[in-house]
């Protein structure tokens, strides 16, 4: 969701033209562990002044052949658009 950005900045983000300040790899985590890690990493990013994080969800076990999205990949937009993250995440 790029609704928090103007058109030019949304395009820059889509094209990968913002430097990535940090990453979070959620591979092999449970839903609960991934959500907790996302909250913790986002808080640390705020403390450090990091503005752009790359969150890697992976495809998930169910997505291996049937085209279904992984659980974490499906959950991430909901987590980012609800409190407390909705108050600090501009776009994803």
C-alpha atoms as a PDB file:
ATOM      1  CA  UNK A   1       0.000   0.000   0.000  1.00  0.00           C
ATOM      2  CA  UNK A   2       1.551   3.262  -1.159  1.00  0.00           C
ATOM      3  CA  UNK A   3      -1.321   5.523  -0.097  1.00  0.00           C
ATOM      4  CA  UNK A   4       0.876   7.345   2.435  1.00  0.00           C
ATOM      5  CA  UNK A   5       3.184   8.621  -0.309  1.00  0.00           C
ATOM      6  CA  UNK A   6       2.837  11.115  -3.121  1.00  0.00           C
ATOM      7  CA  UNK A   7       3.096   9.758  -6.664  1.00  0.00           C
ATOM      8  CA  UNK A   8       6.794  10.468  -7.215  1.00  0.00           C
ATOM      9  CA  UNK A   9       7.866   8.875  -3.917  1.00  0.00           C
ATOM     10  CA  UNK A  10       5.566   5.890  -4.475  1.00  0.00           C
ATOM     11  CA  UNK A  11       7.247   5.308  -7.844  1.00  0.00           C
ATOM     12  CA  UNK A  12      10.714   5.585  -6.282  1.00  0.00           C
ATOM     13  CA  UNK A  13       9.766   3.020  -3.641  1.00  0.00           C
ATOM     14  CA  UNK A  14       8.258   0.622  -6.223  1.00  0.00           C
ATOM     15  CA  UNK A  15      11.406   0.868  -8.337  1.00  0.00           C
ATOM     16  CA  UNK A  16      13.686   0.180  -5.375  1.00  0.00           C
ATOM     17  CA  UNK A  17      15.293   3.606  -5.516  1.00  0.00           C
ATOM     18  CA  UNK A  18      15.280   4.146  -1.748  1.00  0.00           C
ATOM     19  CA  UNK A  19      18.277   2.795   0.132  1.00  0.00           C
ATOM     20  CA  UNK A  20      17.377  -0.122   2.393  1.00  0.00           C
ATOM     21  CA  UNK A  21      18.394   0.700   5.959  1.00  0.00           C
ATOM     22  CA  UNK A  22      17.750  -2.742   7.421  1.00  0.00           C
ATOM     23  CA  UNK A  23      16.214  -6.145   6.826  1.00  0.00           C
ATOM     24  CA  UNK A  24      14.054  -8.635   8.645  1.00  0.00           C
ATOM     25  CA  UNK A  25      13.930 -12.246   7.466  1.00  0.00           C
ATOM     26  CA  UNK A  26      10.815 -14.059   8.660  1.00  0.00           C
ATOM     27  CA  UNK A  27      11.598 -17.389   6.967  1.00  0.00           C
ATOM     28  CA  UNK A  28      10.659 -20.448   9.024  1.00  0.00           C
ATOM     29  CA  UNK A  29       8.993 -18.407  11.776  1.00  0.00           C
ATOM     30  CA  UNK A  30       5.548 -19.133  13.130  1.00  0.00           C
ATOM     31  CA  UNK A  31       2.895 -16.479  12.675  1.00  0.00           C
ATOM     32  CA  UNK A  32       3.230 -15.370  16.314  1.00  0.00           C
ATOM     33  CA  UNK A  33       7.031 -15.282  16.229  1.00  0.00           C
ATOM     34  CA  UNK A  34       7.037 -13.369  12.935  1.00  0.00           C
ATOM     35  CA  UNK A  35       4.599 -10.763  14.246  1.00  0.00           C
ATOM     36  CA  UNK A  36       6.660 -10.293  17.414  1.00  0.00           C
ATOM     37  CA  UNK A  37       9.874  -9.998  15.370  1.00  0.00           C
ATOM     38  CA  UNK A  38       8.249  -7.413  13.095  1.00  0.00           C
ATOM     39  CA  UNK A  39       7.132  -5.306  16.057  1.00  0.00           C
ATOM     40  CA  UNK A  40      10.562  -5.539  17.680  1.00  0.00           C
ATOM     41  CA  UNK A  41      12.501  -4.778  14.478  1.00  0.00           C
ATOM     42  CA  UNK A  42      10.272  -1.824  13.629  1.00  0.00           C
ATOM     43  CA  UNK A  43      10.764  -0.361  17.113  1.00  0.00           C
ATOM     44  CA  UNK A  44      14.531  -0.759  16.739  1.00  0.00           C
ATOM     45  CA  UNK A  45      14.392   0.892  13.310  1.00  0.00           C
ATOM     46  CA  UNK A  46      12.578   3.877  14.782  1.00  0.00           C
ATOM     47  CA  UNK A  47      15.190   4.207  17.533  1.00  0.00           C
ATOM     48  CA  UNK A  48      17.990   4.116  14.977  1.00  0.00           C
ATOM     49  CA  UNK A  49      16.347   6.484  12.521  1.00  0.00           C
ATOM     50  CA  UNK A  50      16.054   3.804   9.841  1.00  0.00           C
ATOM     51  CA  UNK A  51      13.440   4.677   7.284  1.00  0.00           C
ATOM     52  CA  UNK A  52      13.310   1.787   4.824  1.00  0.00           C
ATOM     53  CA  UNK A  53      13.184  -1.854   5.909  1.00  0.00           C
ATOM     54  CA  UNK A  54      13.139  -4.913   3.694  1.00  0.00           C
ATOM     55  CA  UNK A  55      10.898  -7.604   5.170  1.00  0.00           C
ATOM     56  CA  UNK A  56      11.365 -11.064   3.682  1.00  0.00           C
ATOM     57  CA  UNK A  57       8.433 -13.416   4.196  1.00  0.00           C
ATOM     58  CA  UNK A  58       9.251 -16.319   1.906  1.00  0.00           C
ATOM     59  CA  UNK A  59       6.622 -18.273   0.019  1.00  0.00           C
ATOM     60  CA  UNK A  60       5.456 -20.544   2.805  1.00  0.00           C
ATOM     61  CA  UNK A  61       5.079 -24.303   2.811  1.00  0.00           C
ATOM     62  CA  UNK A  62       1.618 -24.283   1.237  1.00  0.00           C
ATOM     63  CA  UNK A  63       2.720 -22.137  -1.666  1.00  0.00           C
ATOM     64  CA  UNK A  64       5.133 -24.744  -3.015  1.00  0.00           C
ATOM     65  CA  UNK A  65       3.160 -25.872  -6.027  1.00  0.00           C
ATOM     66  CA  UNK A  66      -0.402 -24.806  -5.703  1.00  0.00           C
ATOM     67  CA  UNK A  67       0.162 -21.055  -6.183  1.00  0.00           C
ATOM     68  CA  UNK A  68      -1.262 -20.163  -2.764  1.00  0.00           C
ATOM     69  CA  UNK A  69       0.377 -17.277  -0.902  1.00  0.00           C
ATOM     70  CA  UNK A  70       2.307 -18.055   2.232  1.00  0.00           C
ATOM     71  CA  UNK A  71       0.717 -17.334   5.584  1.00  0.00           C
ATOM     72  CA  UNK A  72       3.244 -14.669   6.599  1.00  0.00           C
ATOM     73  CA  UNK A  73       3.085 -12.956   3.224  1.00  0.00           C
ATOM     74  CA  UNK A  74      -0.695 -12.789   3.540  1.00  0.00           C
ATOM     75  CA  UNK A  75      -0.558 -11.516   7.140  1.00  0.00           C
ATOM     76  CA  UNK A  76       2.085  -8.822   6.624  1.00  0.00           C
ATOM     77  CA  UNK A  77      -0.204  -6.160   5.056  1.00  0.00           C
ATOM     78  CA  UNK A  78      -2.714  -6.583   7.905  1.00  0.00           C
ATOM     79  CA  UNK A  79       0.023  -6.263  10.531  1.00  0.00           C
ATOM     80  CA  UNK A  80       1.419  -3.142   8.864  1.00  0.00           C
ATOM     81  CA  UNK A  81      -1.962  -1.454   8.530  1.00  0.00           C
ATOM     82  CA  UNK A  82      -3.145  -1.957  12.124  1.00  0.00           C
ATOM     83  CA  UNK A  83      -1.890  -0.413  15.389  1.00  0.00           C
ATOM     84  CA  UNK A  84       0.763  -0.061  16.576  1.00  0.00           C
ATOM     85  CA  UNK A  85       2.498  -0.314  13.206  1.00  0.00           C
ATOM     86  CA  UNK A  86      -0.088   1.715  11.298  1.00  0.00           C
ATOM     87  CA  UNK A  87       1.059   4.761  13.252  1.00  0.00           C
ATOM     88  CA  UNK A  88       4.664   4.496  12.072  1.00  0.00           C
ATOM     89  CA  UNK A  89       4.583   2.723   8.688  1.00  0.00           C
ATOM     90  CA  UNK A  90       4.059   5.125   5.815  1.00  0.00           C
ATOM     91  CA  UNK A  91       3.970   2.637   2.934  1.00  0.00           C
ATOM     92  CA  UNK A  92       4.599  -0.986   2.153  1.00  0.00           C
END
